[in-house]
C-alpha atoms as a PDB file:
ATOM      1  CA  MET A   1     -52.847 -24.935 126.468  1.00  0.00           C
ATOM      2  CA  ARG A   2     -51.865 -26.135 122.984  1.00  0.00           C
ATOM      3  CA  LYS A   3     -48.986 -23.640 122.821  1.00  0.00           C
ATOM      4  CA  ARG A   4     -47.798 -24.698 126.262  1.00  0.00           C
ATOM      5  CA  LEU A   5     -47.757 -28.392 125.340  1.00  0.00           C
ATOM      6  CA  VAL A   6     -46.054 -27.709 121.985  1.00  0.00           C
ATOM      7  CA  LYS A   7     -43.341 -25.728 123.794  1.00  0.00           C
ATOM      8  CA  TYR A   8     -42.961 -28.466 126.406  1.00  0.00           C
ATOM      9  CA  LEU A   9     -42.652 -31.164 123.718  1.00  0.00           C
ATOM     10  CA  THR A  10     -40.214 -29.038 121.695  1.00  0.00           C
ATOM     11  CA  ASP A  11     -38.090 -28.593 124.822  1.00  0.00           C
ATOM     12  CA  LEU A  12     -38.208 -32.371 125.474  1.00  0.00           C
ATOM     13  CA  VAL A  13     -37.160 -33.203 121.905  1.00  0.00           C
ATOM     14  CA  LYS A  14     -34.222 -30.779 122.111  1.00  0.00           C
ATOM     15  CA  ILE A  15     -32.813 -32.637 125.132  1.00  0.00           C
ATOM     16  CA  PRO A  16     -30.433 -35.412 124.040  1.00  0.00           C
ATOM     17  CA  SER A  17     -31.417 -38.640 125.794  1.00  0.00           C
ATOM     18  CA  VAL A  18     -29.485 -41.408 124.089  1.00  0.00           C
ATOM     19  CA  ILE A  19     -29.560 -44.733 125.943  1.00  0.00           C
ATOM     20  CA  GLY A  20     -27.470 -44.406 129.121  1.00  0.00           C
ATOM     21  CA  SER A  21     -27.506 -40.574 129.068  1.00  0.00           C
ATOM     22  CA  GLU A  22     -30.969 -39.722 130.349  1.00  0.00           C
ATOM     23  CA  LYS A  23     -29.997 -37.511 133.324  1.00  0.00           C
ATOM     24  CA  GLU A  24     -30.796 -34.182 131.651  1.00  0.00           C
ATOM     25  CA  ILE A  25     -34.255 -35.241 130.452  1.00  0.00           C
ATOM     26  CA  ALA A  26     -35.002 -36.944 133.789  1.00  0.00           C
ATOM     27  CA  ASP A  27     -34.061 -33.678 135.553  1.00  0.00           C
ATOM     28  CA  PHE A  28     -36.330 -31.720 133.208  1.00  0.00           C
ATOM     29  CA  ILE A  29     -39.369 -33.971 133.719  1.00  0.00           C
ATOM     30  CA  HIS A  30     -38.700 -34.239 137.454  1.00  0.00           C
ATOM     31  CA  ASN A  31     -38.613 -30.439 137.810  1.00  0.00           C
ATOM     32  CA  PHE A  32     -41.810 -30.114 135.757  1.00  0.00           C
ATOM     33  CA  SER A  33     -43.523 -32.757 137.898  1.00  0.00           C
ATOM     34  CA  MET A  34     -42.540 -30.965 141.107  1.00  0.00           C
ATOM     35  CA  GLU A  35     -44.689 -28.010 139.985  1.00  0.00           C
ATOM     36  CA  PHE A  36     -47.784 -30.203 140.419  1.00  0.00           C
ATOM     37  CA  TYR A  37     -46.845 -32.901 142.937  1.00  0.00           C
ATOM     38  CA  PRO A  38     -45.390 -32.745 146.443  1.00  0.00           C
ATOM     39  CA  GLU A  39     -42.026 -34.389 147.007  1.00  0.00           C
ATOM     40  CA  GLU A  40     -43.543 -37.464 148.678  1.00  0.00           C
ATOM     41  CA  GLN A  41     -45.450 -38.241 145.451  1.00  0.00           C
ATOM     42  CA  THR A  42     -42.339 -38.073 143.285  1.00  0.00           C
ATOM     43  CA  VAL A  43     -39.870 -40.944 143.505  1.00  0.00           C
ATOM     44  CA  ARG A  44     -36.596 -40.851 141.618  1.00  0.00           C
ATOM     45  CA  HIS A  45     -33.939 -43.548 141.412  1.00  0.00           C
ATOM     46  CA  ASN A  46     -31.022 -42.539 139.185  1.00  0.00           C
ATOM     47  CA  ASN A  47     -32.779 -41.560 135.945  1.00  0.00           C
ATOM     48  CA  SER A  48     -36.005 -43.429 136.604  1.00  0.00           C
ATOM     49  CA  LEU A  49     -38.935 -41.365 137.789  1.00  0.00           C
ATOM     50  CA  MET A  50     -42.298 -42.294 139.243  1.00  0.00           C
ATOM     51  CA  VAL A  51     -44.928 -39.637 139.860  1.00  0.00           C
ATOM     52  CA  PHE A  52     -48.244 -40.616 141.397  1.00  0.00           C
ATOM     53  CA  ASP A  53     -51.398 -39.674 143.237  1.00  0.00           C
ATOM     54  CA  PHE A  54     -52.273 -41.752 146.247  1.00  0.00           C
ATOM     55  CA  PRO A  55     -54.776 -44.304 144.966  1.00  0.00           C
ATOM     56  CA  ASP A  56     -58.415 -44.263 145.940  1.00  0.00           C
ATOM     57  CA  ARG A  57     -59.075 -47.883 146.931  1.00  0.00           C
ATOM     58  CA  ASP A  58     -62.691 -47.521 145.779  1.00  0.00           C
ATOM     59  CA  LYS A  59     -61.634 -46.782 142.190  1.00  0.00           C
ATOM     60  CA  LYS A  60     -59.603 -48.567 139.552  1.00  0.00           C
ATOM     61  CA  THR A  61     -56.006 -47.436 139.104  1.00  0.00           C
ATOM     62  CA  VAL A  62     -54.418 -46.553 135.766  1.00  0.00           C
ATOM     63  CA  ALA A  63     -50.644 -46.514 135.269  1.00  0.00           C
ATOM     64  CA  LEU A  64     -49.077 -44.586 132.393  1.00  0.00           C
ATOM     65  CA  VAL A  65     -45.633 -46.111 131.893  1.00  0.00           C
ATOM     66  CA  GLY A  66     -42.941 -45.012 129.458  1.00  0.00           C
ATOM     67  CA  HIS A  67     -39.234 -44.499 128.869  1.00  0.00           C
ATOM     68  CA  LEU A  68     -36.938 -41.500 128.436  1.00  0.00           C
ATOM     69  CA  ASP A  69     -34.168 -42.882 126.242  1.00  0.00           C
ATOM     70  CA  THR A  70     -33.761 -42.597 122.474  1.00  0.00           C
ATOM     71  CA  VAL A  71     -31.404 -44.160 119.959  1.00  0.00           C
ATOM     72  CA  PRO A  72     -28.447 -42.116 118.615  1.00  0.00           C
ATOM     73  CA  GLY A  73     -29.217 -39.907 115.629  1.00  0.00           C
ATOM     74  CA  GLU A  74     -29.500 -36.161 116.289  1.00  0.00           C
ATOM     75  CA  ASN A  75     -29.536 -33.897 113.224  1.00  0.00           C
ATOM     76  CA  GLN A  76     -29.828 -30.223 112.287  1.00  0.00           C
ATOM     77  CA  PHE A  77     -33.648 -30.384 112.331  1.00  0.00           C
ATOM     78  CA  THR A  78     -33.933 -31.532 115.971  1.00  0.00           C
ATOM     79  CA  GLY A  79     -36.453 -29.419 117.863  1.00  0.00           C
ATOM     80  CA  GLN A  80     -37.640 -27.504 114.796  1.00  0.00           C
ATOM     81  CA  ILE A  81     -41.233 -27.231 113.650  1.00  0.00           C
ATOM     82  CA  ILE A  82     -41.362 -27.311 109.850  1.00  0.00           C
ATOM     83  CA  ASP A  83     -44.694 -27.247 108.026  1.00  0.00           C
ATOM     84  CA  GLY A  84     -46.491 -27.951 111.304  1.00  0.00           C
ATOM     85  CA  LYS A  85     -44.389 -31.031 112.130  1.00  0.00           C
ATOM     86  CA  LEU A  86     -41.910 -31.293 114.985  1.00  0.00           C
ATOM     87  CA  TYR A  87     -38.646 -33.051 114.098  1.00  0.00           C
ATOM     88  CA  GLY A  88     -36.304 -34.880 116.436  1.00  0.00           C
ATOM     89  CA  LEU A  89     -35.816 -38.138 118.275  1.00  0.00           C
ATOM     90  CA  GLY A  90     -38.870 -39.016 120.338  1.00  0.00           C
ATOM     91  CA  ALA A  91     -41.142 -36.496 118.601  1.00  0.00           C
ATOM     92  CA  SER A  92     -43.493 -39.287 117.539  1.00  0.00           C
ATOM     93  CA  ASP A  93     -42.448 -41.837 120.142  1.00  0.00           C
ATOM     94  CA  MET A  94     -42.103 -41.678 123.905  1.00  0.00           C
ATOM     95  CA  LYS A  95     -41.268 -37.984 124.279  1.00  0.00           C
ATOM     96  CA  VAL A  96     -44.635 -37.078 122.790  1.00  0.00           C
ATOM     97  CA  TRP A  97     -46.301 -39.510 125.195  1.00  0.00           C
ATOM     98  CA  SER A  98     -44.336 -38.103 128.145  1.00  0.00           C
ATOM     99  CA  CYS A  99     -45.625 -34.701 127.120  1.00  0.00           C
ATOM    100  CA  CYS A 100     -49.184 -36.046 126.897  1.00  0.00           C
ATOM    101  CA  TYR A 101     -48.941 -37.754 130.302  1.00  0.00           C
ATOM    102  CA  ASP A 102     -47.581 -34.605 131.920  1.00  0.00           C
ATOM    103  CA  GLY A 103     -50.031 -32.400 130.045  1.00  0.00           C
ATOM    104  CA  ILE A 104     -53.055 -34.509 130.858  1.00  0.00           C
ATOM    105  CA  ASP A 105     -52.123 -35.055 134.473  1.00  0.00           C
ATOM    106  CA  GLY A 106     -50.289 -31.879 135.393  1.00  0.00           C
ATOM    107  CA  VAL A 107     -52.314 -29.369 133.454  1.00  0.00           C
ATOM    108  CA  PHE A 108     -55.777 -30.900 133.312  1.00  0.00           C
ATOM    109  CA  PHE A 109     -56.154 -32.799 136.582  1.00  0.00           C
ATOM    110  CA  LYS A 110     -54.079 -30.553 138.822  1.00  0.00           C
ATOM    111  CA  SER A 111     -54.947 -27.070 137.602  1.00  0.00           C
ATOM    112  CA  ARG A 112     -58.382 -27.974 136.184  1.00  0.00           C
ATOM    113  CA  GLU A 113     -57.571 -25.889 133.127  1.00  0.00           C
ATOM    114  CA  GLU A 114     -60.034 -26.575 130.351  1.00  0.00           C
ATOM    115  CA  ILE A 115     -58.706 -28.368 127.307  1.00  0.00           C
END
């Protein structure tokens, strides 16, 4: 699973997502989400995306909320792993958390793959 999440995060970091230009990354995450959720549990409005399970009213609900945009600043190291560190906008910010959310929810809860 580690290799799969590293590849997913590397792919996310390689996608430019400067403020106002989030369509490509929203498409990517939306397509990934559709592997694990039916269409009625995936809501998209422009480049905003909400993916959910129907809540169990007998349990508490947790929302994982984030953003897809980054500030300008791509460079020649974007998407490269050097000395075990991934470089690029969002690699230690929201893109890593998007990867974690999708990894935890999509991989662990939906496929029951052991971590």
